[in-house]
Amino acid sequence: MEILQGATLRSIADKYGLSLTSVHRHKQHIPHQLAVSHEAQKVAKADGVMQRMAELDQRADTIYKQATEQNNPELALKALKELRGVVELYAKMAGEIGARTVNNFIITPEWASLRSVMLRALLPYPDARKAVVEALEGSNVV
C-alpha cells in the first residue's frame, strides 16, 4: 500500500530491511486494477472536498443575499469575505494561484529603520549612497 501512496522504493526497502531490487520486483506484481482503484479513491476524496467547498460557497452566497435584502451591510461584508476565501481556495486547488506566502517587508517599521540606518551610514560616501538608492528604487524596494 505504501507504494500506491507514493512512498519511495528506497524508503520502503529501508523501513522493512529489504533490498531495493526486491521492492522493485514487488511493485511489478501490484495489479493494475489495484493501482487504478487507489487513484479512483484519491479522485473521490478530492471530489468530496470540492463538494464541501461548493456547499460552503452556496451557504455564504445565500447569507450574502439575505444580508443585502435586509440592508445589513456588516453581515453582507462578512459573507463576501467568506466568498472570497472560497474562491481563493478553489483557485489554489485548481492550481490557478500558488499557495505561497508573500512577505512584504517594505512596509514594516523595521525596514524603514534599516533603510534610514543604511542611508545615514553611507552619507560619507555619496557615490555609494546614490548607487544604493538607485538600486533600491530600481527594484521597487524603497
Protein backbone atom coordinates (compact mmCIF):
# COMPACT_ATOMS: atom_id res chain seq x y z
CA MET A 1 0.00 0.00 0.00
CA GLU A 2 2.89 2.38 0.69
CA ILE A 3 3.95 2.07 -2.93
CA LEU A 4 0.50 3.23 -4.02
CA GLN A 5 0.64 6.11 -1.56
CA GLY A 6 3.78 7.43 -3.25
CA ALA A 7 6.48 6.29 -0.84
CA THR A 8 9.87 5.89 -2.48
CA LEU A 9 11.09 2.36 -3.07
CA ARG A 10 14.26 3.21 -1.11
CA SER A 11 12.27 4.32 1.96
CA ILE A 12 10.18 1.13 1.85
CA ALA A 13 13.28 -1.04 1.49
CA ASP A 14 14.98 0.72 4.40
CA LYS A 15 11.86 0.55 6.57
CA TYR A 16 11.44 -3.21 6.17
CA GLY A 17 15.09 -4.20 5.79
CA LEU A 18 14.68 -5.29 2.17
CA SER A 19 16.79 -4.77 -0.88
CA LEU A 20 15.77 -2.11 -3.36
CA THR A 21 15.61 -4.78 -6.06
CA SER A 22 13.13 -6.92 -4.13
CA VAL A 23 10.84 -3.93 -3.51
CA HIS A 24 11.05 -3.05 -7.19
CA ARG A 25 10.11 -6.63 -8.13
CA HIS A 26 7.19 -6.50 -5.71
CA LYS A 27 5.98 -3.29 -7.33
CA GLN A 28 5.83 -5.09 -10.68
CA HIS A 29 3.30 -7.53 -9.20
CA ILE A 30 0.82 -4.94 -7.96
CA PRO A 31 -2.26 -5.47 -10.08
CA HIS A 32 -3.09 -2.62 -12.39
CA GLN A 33 -6.68 -2.60 -11.13
CA LEU A 34 -5.49 -2.06 -7.55
CA ALA A 35 -3.44 0.93 -8.63
CA VAL A 36 -6.38 2.30 -10.61
CA SER A 37 -8.68 1.72 -7.63
CA HIS A 38 -6.33 3.64 -5.37
CA GLU A 39 -6.25 6.53 -7.84
CA ALA A 40 -10.04 6.46 -8.02
CA GLN A 41 -10.20 6.74 -4.23
CA LYS A 42 -7.98 9.83 -4.34
CA VAL A 43 -10.20 11.39 -7.01
CA ALA A 44 -13.34 10.58 -5.00
CA LYS A 45 -11.81 12.19 -1.92
CA ALA A 46 -10.94 15.31 -3.94
CA ASP A 47 -14.49 15.34 -5.34
CA GLY A 48 -15.76 15.24 -1.76
CA VAL A 49 -13.65 18.25 -0.86
CA MET A 50 -14.89 20.10 -3.93
CA GLN A 51 -18.48 19.24 -2.97
CA ARG A 52 -17.95 20.65 0.53
CA MET A 53 -16.45 23.80 -0.96
CA ALA A 54 -19.45 24.15 -3.26
CA GLU A 55 -21.76 23.82 -0.24
CA LEU A 56 -19.80 26.50 1.64
CA ASP A 57 -19.94 28.72 -1.43
CA GLN A 58 -23.71 28.28 -1.66
CA ARG A 59 -24.24 28.97 2.05
CA ALA A 60 -22.10 32.10 2.02
CA ASP A 61 -23.86 33.31 -1.12
CA THR A 62 -27.28 32.74 0.50
CA ILE A 63 -26.20 34.67 3.59
CA TYR A 64 -24.86 37.49 1.41
CA LYS A 65 -28.16 37.74 -0.50
CA GLN A 66 -30.20 37.72 2.70
CA ALA A 67 -27.97 40.36 4.27
CA THR A 68 -28.32 42.67 1.28
CA GLU A 69 -32.11 42.17 1.20
CA GLN A 70 -32.27 43.00 4.92
CA ASN A 71 -29.95 46.00 4.45
CA ASN A 72 -27.34 44.52 6.80
CA PRO A 73 -24.02 45.75 5.38
CA GLU A 74 -21.91 44.30 8.20
CA LEU A 75 -23.21 40.76 7.61
CA ALA A 76 -23.03 41.23 3.83
CA LEU A 77 -19.36 42.21 4.14
CA LYS A 78 -18.62 39.15 6.29
CA ALA A 79 -20.34 36.90 3.75
CA LEU A 80 -18.33 38.49 0.92
CA LYS A 81 -15.15 37.82 2.86
CA GLU A 82 -16.12 34.15 3.14
CA LEU A 83 -16.99 34.01 -0.56
CA ARG A 84 -13.60 35.49 -1.38
CA GLY A 85 -11.96 32.78 0.75
CA VAL A 86 -13.87 30.04 -1.05
CA VAL A 87 -12.91 31.43 -4.46
CA GLU A 88 -9.28 31.67 -3.36
CA LEU A 89 -9.34 28.07 -2.18
CA TYR A 90 -10.93 26.93 -5.45
CA ALA A 91 -8.17 28.72 -7.35
CA LYS A 92 -5.45 27.15 -5.20
CA MET A 93 -6.89 23.68 -5.68
CA ALA A 94 -7.16 24.23 -9.42
CA GLY A 95 -3.55 25.39 -9.49
CA GLU A 96 -4.55 28.82 -10.78
CA ILE A 97 -2.71 30.54 -7.95
CA GLY A 98 0.15 29.35 -5.80
CA ALA A 99 -0.35 28.50 -2.17
CA ARG A 100 2.63 30.52 -1.08
CA THR A 101 3.07 33.28 1.41
CA VAL A 102 4.32 36.66 0.32
CA ASN A 103 6.11 38.67 2.95
CA ASN A 104 6.00 42.35 2.17
CA PHE A 105 8.78 43.70 4.35
CA ILE A 106 8.85 47.02 2.51
CA ILE A 107 6.06 48.47 4.65
CA THR A 108 7.36 47.32 8.02
CA PRO A 109 8.79 49.77 10.55
CA GLU A 110 11.90 47.57 10.74
CA TRP A 111 12.56 48.08 7.02
CA ALA A 112 12.08 51.85 7.32
CA SER A 113 14.53 51.92 10.23
CA LEU A 114 17.07 49.74 8.43
CA ARG A 115 16.81 51.87 5.31
CA SER A 116 17.47 55.03 7.34
CA VAL A 117 20.46 53.46 9.07
CA MET A 118 21.93 52.31 5.76
CA LEU A 119 21.49 55.66 4.08
CA ARG A 120 22.92 57.53 7.09
CA ALA A 121 25.93 55.21 7.17
CA LEU A 122 26.52 55.95 3.50
CA LEU A 123 26.47 59.76 3.91
CA PRO A 124 30.31 59.98 3.83
CA TYR A 125 30.23 58.01 0.56
CA PRO A 126 27.88 59.93 -1.77
CA ASP A 127 28.59 57.77 -4.80
CA ALA A 128 27.89 54.56 -2.88
CA ARG A 129 24.79 56.11 -1.29
CA LYS A 130 23.49 57.15 -4.70
CA ALA A 131 24.15 53.67 -6.10
CA VAL A 132 22.27 52.03 -3.21
CA VAL A 133 19.29 54.40 -3.57
CA GLU A 134 19.16 53.78 -7.33
CA ALA A 135 19.38 50.03 -6.81
CA LEU A 136 16.57 50.11 -4.24
CA GLU A 137 14.38 52.31 -6.45
CA GLY A 138 15.10 50.12 -9.47
CA SER A 139 13.96 47.02 -7.63
CA ASN A 140 10.82 48.71 -6.26
CA VAL A 141 12.21 48.35 -2.74
CA VAL A 142 12.04 51.93 -1.47
